[in-house]
Amino acid sequence: MLSNLPEEVLYQILSNLDYKSLSRLSQVCRTIHQFVNRDAVWRKIAKELLNTGITRHGRDIYPHVPLKERVKMSQNWYNGVCKIAITLKWKIKLLPWLQLDGDALFLSQAAEIGAYHLRQDRGGRHTRNLVAVFSGHRGDVCRFTLTDSHLISGGSDGKILVHNRRGHGRVELLGHNQEVNCLDARGGLIVSGSRDRTARIWTSSSTVPRDTVALYDRVWSVAISPALR
């Protein structure tokens, strides 16, 4: 009977349900499940929750991710619900830097950065496969950042290395004389900060800094504004 109602009436009915009731309703049958999973059903709930990607004005920041999944993740954060699984182990007592890009995990260990392809086996357990290693520093990797085409790393040797993620070589940027503690890259620009009390701005087409900002203390964090200003 419920599935025979016009969609406008169904939307009106479902708008009065909370996220738990909607989740239970989606288990009734396949037809109801497909309807309840639509983003339009979850938009009102998502707008009222934290970090679902729906702004106060109703704009959807992450349209490629189903709203039902975003509501689920928001509630897991709010209620402290999580699953703990060990993906990688190593014996060296170093503090790594890591970044997840899709199903690829990039992890720094000493002077190298490994790229691991993550997937689930039939039992639902995470497995990993090392697919690439980025190296070239003479000391530990302090920080790295990713763009669509490059991996950019800063090391304790003062170097910045721009690695092509497809394995076609690397470019070395020289300018800092102490460890590079922080990096950011956006729109063809690279910004770095170092223990040598400077922040430097680089372009993708040059191996020397475009600008150098002298500061009064070590630089621990840098970020490029989204407007590139």
C-alpha atoms as a PDB file:
ATOM      1  CA  MET A   1       0.000   0.000   0.000  1.00  0.00           C
ATOM      2  CA  LEU A   2       2.752   2.452   0.939  1.00  0.00           C
ATOM      3  CA  SER A   3       4.654   1.938  -2.298  1.00  0.00           C
ATOM      4  CA  ASN A   4       1.478   2.636  -4.327  1.00  0.00           C
ATOM      5  CA  LEU A   5       1.179   6.211  -3.044  1.00  0.00           C
ATOM      6  CA  PRO A   6       2.268   9.125  -5.268  1.00  0.00           C
ATOM      7  CA  GLU A   7       5.867  10.171  -4.725  1.00  0.00           C
ATOM      8  CA  GLU A   8       4.838  13.647  -3.498  1.00  0.00           C
ATOM      9  CA  VAL A   9       2.734  12.053  -0.746  1.00  0.00           C
ATOM     10  CA  LEU A  10       5.537   9.635   0.160  1.00  0.00           C
ATOM     11  CA  TYR A  11       8.032  12.491   0.484  1.00  0.00           C
ATOM     12  CA  GLN A  12       5.598  14.327   2.781  1.00  0.00           C
ATOM     13  CA  ILE A  13       5.148  11.259   4.998  1.00  0.00           C
ATOM     14  CA  LEU A  14       8.843  10.443   5.187  1.00  0.00           C
ATOM     15  CA  SER A  15       9.751  14.046   6.033  1.00  0.00           C
ATOM     16  CA  ASN A  16       8.205  13.436   9.482  1.00  0.00           C
ATOM     17  CA  LEU A  17      10.526  10.502  10.300  1.00  0.00           C
ATOM     18  CA  ASP A  18      13.896  10.620  12.030  1.00  0.00           C
ATOM     19  CA  TYR A  19      17.003   8.877  10.702  1.00  0.00           C
ATOM     20  CA  LYS A  20      16.458   5.717  12.786  1.00  0.00           C
ATOM     21  CA  SER A  21      12.893   5.269  11.545  1.00  0.00           C
ATOM     22  CA  LEU A  22      13.981   5.826   7.938  1.00  0.00           C
ATOM     23  CA  SER A  23      16.707   3.205   8.291  1.00  0.00           C
ATOM     24  CA  ARG A  24      14.221   0.656   9.652  1.00  0.00           C
ATOM     25  CA  LEU A  25      11.701   1.505   6.947  1.00  0.00           C
ATOM     26  CA  SER A  26      14.302   0.846   4.236  1.00  0.00           C
ATOM     27  CA  GLN A  27      14.460  -2.786   5.430  1.00  0.00           C
ATOM     28  CA  VAL A  28      10.790  -3.484   4.653  1.00  0.00           C
ATOM     29  CA  CYS A  29      11.174  -4.415   0.992  1.00  0.00           C
ATOM     30  CA  ARG A  30      13.316  -3.725  -2.048  1.00  0.00           C
ATOM     31  CA  THR A  31      10.948  -1.117  -3.506  1.00  0.00           C
ATOM     32  CA  ILE A  32      10.788   0.909  -0.297  1.00  0.00           C
ATOM     33  CA  HIS A  33      14.545   0.490   0.167  1.00  0.00           C
ATOM     34  CA  GLN A  34      15.264   2.053  -3.237  1.00  0.00           C
ATOM     35  CA  PHE A  35      12.908   4.965  -2.559  1.00  0.00           C
ATOM     36  CA  VAL A  36      14.137   5.679   0.977  1.00  0.00           C
ATOM     37  CA  ASN A  37      17.763   5.735  -0.219  1.00  0.00           C
ATOM     38  CA  ARG A  38      17.122   8.781  -2.408  1.00  0.00           C
ATOM     39  CA  ASP A  39      18.928  11.966  -1.406  1.00  0.00           C
ATOM     40  CA  ALA A  40      15.669  13.936  -1.425  1.00  0.00           C
ATOM     41  CA  VAL A  41      14.393  11.832   1.493  1.00  0.00           C
ATOM     42  CA  TRP A  42      17.472  12.532   3.641  1.00  0.00           C
ATOM     43  CA  ARG A  43      18.058  16.204   2.773  1.00  0.00           C
ATOM     44  CA  LYS A  44      15.949  17.655   5.624  1.00  0.00           C
ATOM     45  CA  ILE A  45      17.697  15.449   8.218  1.00  0.00           C
ATOM     46  CA  ALA A  46      21.147  16.065   6.743  1.00  0.00           C
ATOM     47  CA  LYS A  47      20.685  19.845   6.902  1.00  0.00           C
ATOM     48  CA  GLU A  48      20.123  19.659  10.676  1.00  0.00           C
ATOM     49  CA  LEU A  49      23.157  17.459  11.433  1.00  0.00           C
ATOM     50  CA  LEU A  50      26.854  18.225  11.714  1.00  0.00           C
ATOM     51  CA  ASN A  51      29.302  17.635   8.837  1.00  0.00           C
ATOM     52  CA  THR A  52      26.903  16.181   6.281  1.00  0.00           C
ATOM     53  CA  GLY A  53      27.949  18.570   3.524  1.00  0.00           C
ATOM     54  CA  ILE A  54      24.640  20.484   3.414  1.00  0.00           C
ATOM     55  CA  THR A  55      25.130  24.180   4.110  1.00  0.00           C
ATOM     56  CA  ARG A  56      22.667  26.436   5.907  1.00  0.00           C
ATOM     57  CA  HIS A  57      21.515  27.700   2.519  1.00  0.00           C
ATOM     58  CA  GLY A  58      20.851  24.162   1.284  1.00  0.00           C
ATOM     59  CA  ARG A  59      23.862  23.804  -1.040  1.00  0.00           C
ATOM     60  CA  ASP A  60      25.291  20.272  -1.304  1.00  0.00           C
ATOM     61  CA  ILE A  61      29.105  20.305  -1.079  1.00  0.00           C
ATOM     62  CA  TYR A  62      29.597  16.558  -1.701  1.00  0.00           C
ATOM     63  CA  PRO A  63      26.936  15.501  -4.251  1.00  0.00           C
ATOM     64  CA  HIS A  64      28.894  12.366  -5.237  1.00  0.00           C
ATOM     65  CA  VAL A  65      28.397  10.821  -1.751  1.00  0.00           C
ATOM     66  CA  PRO A  66      24.871   9.509  -0.922  1.00  0.00           C
ATOM     67  CA  LEU A  67      23.187  11.596   1.778  1.00  0.00           C
ATOM     68  CA  LYS A  68      22.149   8.499   3.720  1.00  0.00           C
ATOM     69  CA  GLU A  69      25.824   7.532   4.131  1.00  0.00           C
ATOM     70  CA  ARG A  70      26.744  11.055   5.225  1.00  0.00           C
ATOM     71  CA  VAL A  71      23.995  11.052   7.857  1.00  0.00           C
ATOM     72  CA  LYS A  72      25.280   7.692   9.101  1.00  0.00           C
ATOM     73  CA  MET A  73      28.853   8.999   9.370  1.00  0.00           C
ATOM     74  CA  SER A  74      27.650  12.153  11.133  1.00  0.00           C
ATOM     75  CA  GLN A  75      25.828  10.097  13.758  1.00  0.00           C
ATOM     76  CA  ASN A  76      28.838   7.823  14.230  1.00  0.00           C
ATOM     77  CA  TRP A  77      30.991  10.876  14.969  1.00  0.00           C
ATOM     78  CA  TYR A  78      28.368  12.370  17.288  1.00  0.00           C
ATOM     79  CA  ASN A  79      27.830   9.145  19.242  1.00  0.00           C
ATOM     80  CA  GLY A  80      31.454   7.995  19.188  1.00  0.00           C
ATOM     81  CA  VAL A  81      30.706   4.856  17.153  1.00  0.00           C
ATOM     82  CA  CYS A  82      33.748   3.485  15.336  1.00  0.00           C
ATOM     83  CA  LYS A  83      35.477   0.307  14.273  1.00  0.00           C
ATOM     84  CA  ILE A  84      39.145  -0.205  15.017  1.00  0.00           C
ATOM     85  CA  ALA A  85      41.225  -2.164  12.526  1.00  0.00           C
ATOM     86  CA  ILE A  86      45.000  -2.287  12.160  1.00  0.00           C
ATOM     87  CA  THR A  87      45.869  -1.692   8.510  1.00  0.00           C
ATOM     88  CA  LEU A  88      49.654  -1.407   8.742  1.00  0.00           C
ATOM     89  CA  LYS A  89      52.268  -2.321  11.344  1.00  0.00           C
ATOM     90  CA  TRP A  90      55.899  -1.302  11.644  1.00  0.00           C
ATOM     91  CA  LYS A  91      58.524  -1.700  14.345  1.00  0.00           C
ATOM     92  CA  ILE A  92      60.399   1.595  13.987  1.00  0.00           C
ATOM     93  CA  LYS A  93      59.258   4.167  16.536  1.00  0.00           C
ATOM     94  CA  LEU A  94      58.749   7.080  14.183  1.00  0.00           C
ATOM     95  CA  LEU A  95      55.833   9.477  13.916  1.00  0.00           C
ATOM     96  CA  PRO A  96      54.547   8.998  10.332  1.00  0.00           C
ATOM     97  CA  TRP A  97      52.604  11.385   8.148  1.00  0.00           C
ATOM     98  CA  LEU A  98      49.740   9.780   6.231  1.00  0.00           C
ATOM     99  CA  GLN A  99      47.032  10.755   3.783  1.00  0.00           C
ATOM    100  CA  LEU A 100      44.160   8.801   2.254  1.00  0.00           C
ATOM    101  CA  ASP A 101      43.321   9.426  -1.403  1.00  0.00           C
ATOM    102  CA  GLY A 102      40.408   7.280  -2.541  1.00  0.00           C
ATOM    103  CA  ASP A 103      41.443   3.670  -1.928  1.00  0.00           C
ATOM    104  CA  ALA A 104      45.163   4.571  -1.766  1.00  0.00           C
ATOM    105  CA  LEU A 105      46.920   5.204   1.548  1.00  0.00           C
ATOM    106  CA  PHE A 106      50.153   7.213   1.450  1.00  0.00           C
ATOM    107  CA  LEU A 107      52.380   6.694   4.504  1.00  0.00           C
ATOM    108  CA  SER A 108      55.799   8.151   5.301  1.00  0.00           C
ATOM    109  CA  GLN A 109      58.357   5.955   7.056  1.00  0.00           C
ATOM    110  CA  ALA A 110      61.822   7.431   7.630  1.00  0.00           C
ATOM    111  CA  ALA A 111      63.103   8.761   4.254  1.00  0.00           C
ATOM    112  CA  GLU A 112      60.470   7.044   2.066  1.00  0.00           C
ATOM    113  CA  ILE A 113      56.770   7.344   1.341  1.00  0.00           C
ATOM    114  CA  GLY A 114      54.856   4.188   0.478  1.00  0.00           C
ATOM    115  CA  ALA A 115      51.595   4.083  -1.484  1.00  0.00           C
ATOM    116  CA  TYR A 116      49.314   1.199  -0.475  1.00  0.00           C
ATOM    117  CA  HIS A 117      46.218   0.034  -2.331  1.00  0.00           C
ATOM    118  CA  LEU A 118      43.542  -0.793   0.257  1.00  0.00           C
ATOM    119  CA  ARG A 119      40.718  -3.244  -0.325  1.00  0.00           C
ATOM    120  CA  GLN A 120      38.440  -5.577   1.600  1.00  0.00           C
ATOM    121  CA  ASP A 121      38.617  -9.336   1.301  1.00  0.00           C
ATOM    122  CA  ARG A 122      35.561 -11.595   1.352  1.00  0.00           C
ATOM    123  CA  GLY A 123      35.606 -11.613   5.146  1.00  0.00           C
ATOM    124  CA  GLY A 124      35.373  -7.821   5.284  1.00  0.00           C
ATOM    125  CA  ARG A 125      38.938  -7.417   6.529  1.00  0.00           C
ATOM    126  CA  HIS A 126      41.185  -4.718   5.090  1.00  0.00           C
ATOM    127  CA  THR A 127      44.167  -5.902   3.076  1.00  0.00           C
ATOM    128  CA  ARG A 128      46.867  -3.765   1.528  1.00  0.00           C
ATOM    129  CA  ASN A 129      49.228  -3.973  -1.399  1.00  0.00           C
ATOM    130  CA  LEU A 130      52.309  -1.767  -1.786  1.00  0.00           C
ATOM    131  CA  VAL A 131      52.081  -0.231  -5.259  1.00  0.00           C
ATOM    132  CA  ALA A 132      54.700   2.550  -5.206  1.00  0.00           C
ATOM    133  CA  VAL A 133      57.578   3.968  -3.150  1.00  0.00           C
ATOM    134  CA  PHE A 134      58.631   7.631  -3.327  1.00  0.00           C
ATOM    135  CA  SER A 135      62.177   8.309  -2.128  1.00  0.00           C
ATOM    136  CA  GLY A 136      65.041  10.779  -2.524  1.00  0.00           C
ATOM    137  CA  HIS A 137      65.412  12.487   0.855  1.00  0.00           C
ATOM    138  CA  ARG A 138      68.621  12.072   2.853  1.00  0.00           C
ATOM    139  CA  GLY A 139      66.714  12.385   6.118  1.00  0.00           C
ATOM    140  CA  ASP A 140      63.242  11.720   7.489  1.00  0.00           C
ATOM    141  CA  VAL A 141      60.167  12.924   5.603  1.00  0.00           C
ATOM    142  CA  CYS A 142      58.653  15.637   7.811  1.00  0.00           C
ATOM    143  CA  ARG A 143      55.529  16.303   5.769  1.00  0.00           C
ATOM    144  CA  PHE A 144      53.992  15.621   2.363  1.00  0.00           C
ATOM    145  CA  THR A 145      50.925  16.682   0.445  1.00  0.00           C
ATOM    146  CA  LEU A 146      49.085  15.329  -2.609  1.00  0.00           C
ATOM    147  CA  THR A 147      47.725  16.885  -5.773  1.00  0.00           C
ATOM    148  CA  ASP A 148      45.977  15.061  -8.614  1.00  0.00           C
ATOM    149  CA  SER A 149      49.275  14.498 -10.441  1.00  0.00           C
ATOM    150  CA  HIS A 150      52.065  14.958  -7.885  1.00  0.00           C
ATOM    151  CA  LEU A 151      53.248  14.035  -4.395  1.00  0.00           C
ATOM    152  CA  ILE A 152      55.222  16.860  -2.772  1.00  0.00           C
ATOM    153  CA  SER A 153      57.404  16.045   0.243  1.00  0.00           C
ATOM    154  CA  GLY A 154      59.538  18.073   2.627  1.00  0.00           C
ATOM    155  CA  GLY A 155      62.364  16.493   4.597  1.00  0.00           C
ATOM    156  CA  SER A 156      64.744  17.047   7.465  1.00  0.00           C
ATOM    157  CA  ASP A 157      67.479  17.579   4.847  1.00  0.00           C
ATOM    158  CA  GLY A 158      65.834  20.900   3.844  1.00  0.00           C
ATOM    159  CA  LYS A 159      64.770  19.579   0.445  1.00  0.00           C
ATOM    160  CA  ILE A 160      61.364  19.695  -1.203  1.00  0.00           C
ATOM    161  CA  LEU A 161      60.791  16.904  -3.728  1.00  0.00           C
ATOM    162  CA  VAL A 162      58.004  17.048  -6.300  1.00  0.00           C
ATOM    163  CA  HIS A 163      57.294  13.432  -7.321  1.00  0.00           C
ATOM    164  CA  ASN A 164      55.181  12.544 -10.330  1.00  0.00           C
ATOM    165  CA  ARG A 165      52.544  10.145  -8.973  1.00  0.00           C
ATOM    166  CA  ARG A 166      52.720   8.093 -12.165  1.00  0.00           C
ATOM    167  CA  GLY A 167      56.394   7.391 -11.597  1.00  0.00           C
ATOM    168  CA  HIS A 168      57.917   9.688 -14.206  1.00  0.00           C
ATOM    169  CA  GLY A 169      60.738  11.200 -12.131  1.00  0.00           C
ATOM    170  CA  ARG A 170      60.928  13.989  -9.589  1.00  0.00           C
ATOM    171  CA  VAL A 171      62.010  17.636  -9.306  1.00  0.00           C
ATOM    172  CA  GLU A 172      64.129  18.942  -6.425  1.00  0.00           C
ATOM    173  CA  LEU A 173      63.410  22.384  -4.924  1.00  0.00           C
ATOM    174  CA  LEU A 174      66.282  23.931  -2.969  1.00  0.00           C
ATOM    175  CA  GLY A 175      65.983  26.980  -0.752  1.00  0.00           C
ATOM    176  CA  HIS A 176      65.583  25.972   2.882  1.00  0.00           C
ATOM    177  CA  ASN A 177      68.713  25.192   4.902  1.00  0.00           C
ATOM    178  CA  GLN A 178      66.909  23.361   7.727  1.00  0.00           C
ATOM    179  CA  GLU A 179      64.068  20.842   7.911  1.00  0.00           C
ATOM    180  CA  VAL A 180      60.854  21.569   6.035  1.00  0.00           C
ATOM    181  CA  ASN A 181      58.103  21.185   8.638  1.00  0.00           C
ATOM    182  CA  CYS A 182      55.012  21.990   6.587  1.00  0.00           C
ATOM    183  CA  LEU A 183      53.715  22.144   3.015  1.00  0.00           C
ATOM    184  CA  ASP A 184      50.632  23.025   1.037  1.00  0.00           C
ATOM    185  CA  ALA A 185      49.944  22.922  -2.713  1.00  0.00           C
ATOM    186  CA  ARG A 186      47.074  24.309  -4.751  1.00  0.00           C
ATOM    187  CA  GLY A 187      46.560  25.646  -8.270  1.00  0.00           C
ATOM    188  CA  GLY A 188      50.184  25.291  -9.364  1.00  0.00           C
ATOM    189  CA  LEU A 189      51.545  26.943  -6.191  1.00  0.00           C
ATOM    190  CA  ILE A 190      53.553  25.327  -3.416  1.00  0.00           C
ATOM    191  CA  VAL A 191      54.051  26.939  -0.003  1.00  0.00           C
ATOM    192  CA  SER A 192      56.597  25.593   2.482  1.00  0.00           C
ATOM    193  CA  GLY A 193      57.609  26.445   6.034  1.00  0.00           C
ATOM    194  CA  SER A 194      60.859  25.543   7.768  1.00  0.00           C
ATOM    195  CA  ARG A 195      62.840  25.594  10.980  1.00  0.00           C
ATOM    196  CA  ASP A 196      65.017  28.215   9.263  1.00  0.00           C
ATOM    197  CA  ARG A 197      62.301  30.809  10.087  1.00  0.00           C
ATOM    198  CA  THR A 198      61.145  31.329   6.528  1.00  0.00           C
ATOM    199  CA  ALA A 199      58.085  30.502   4.464  1.00  0.00           C
ATOM    200  CA  ARG A 200      58.684  30.163   0.744  1.00  0.00           C
ATOM    201  CA  ILE A 201      56.330  30.271  -2.243  1.00  0.00           C
ATOM    202  CA  TRP A 202      57.122  28.200  -5.311  1.00  0.00           C
ATOM    203  CA  THR A 203      55.526  27.705  -8.730  1.00  0.00           C
ATOM    204  CA  SER A 204      55.272  24.413 -10.553  1.00  0.00           C
ATOM    205  CA  SER A 205      57.403  25.762 -13.417  1.00  0.00           C
ATOM    206  CA  SER A 206      60.431  26.888 -11.372  1.00  0.00           C
ATOM    207  CA  THR A 207      62.946  25.221  -9.058  1.00  0.00           C
ATOM    208  CA  VAL A 208      63.735  28.422  -7.126  1.00  0.00           C
ATOM    209  CA  PRO A 209      61.374  30.256  -4.745  1.00  0.00           C
ATOM    210  CA  ARG A 210      59.146  32.930  -6.233  1.00  0.00           C
ATOM    211  CA  ASP A 211      58.886  34.679  -2.854  1.00  0.00           C
ATOM    212  CA  THR A 212      60.449  34.282   0.590  1.00  0.00           C
ATOM    213  CA  VAL A 213      58.760  35.490   3.787  1.00  0.00           C
ATOM    214  CA  ALA A 214      61.147  35.996   6.710  1.00  0.00           C
ATOM    215  CA  LEU A 215      59.596  35.304  10.127  1.00  0.00           C
ATOM    216  CA  TYR A 216      60.654  35.471  13.773  1.00  0.00           C
ATOM    217  CA  ASP A 217      60.301  31.799  14.687  1.00  0.00           C
ATOM    218  CA  ARG A 218      60.181  28.325  13.201  1.00  0.00           C
ATOM    219  CA  VAL A 219      57.255  27.729  10.867  1.00  0.00           C
ATOM    220  CA  TRP A 220      55.097  24.744  11.828  1.00  0.00           C
ATOM    221  CA  SER A 221      52.001  25.203   9.651  1.00  0.00           C
ATOM    222  CA  VAL A 222      51.136  26.801   6.316  1.00  0.00           C
ATOM    223  CA  ALA A 223      48.001  26.828   4.147  1.00  0.00           C
ATOM    224  CA  ILE A 224      47.031  28.336   0.810  1.00  0.00           C
ATOM    225  CA  SER A 225      43.660  30.086   0.736  1.00  0.00           C
ATOM    226  CA  PRO A 226      41.114  28.518  -1.654  1.00  0.00           C
ATOM    227  CA  ALA A 227      41.041  31.810  -3.611  1.00  0.00           C
ATOM    228  CA  LEU A 228      44.849  31.616  -4.118  1.00  0.00           C
ATOM    229  CA  ARG A 229      45.275  35.102  -2.619  1.00  0.00           C
END
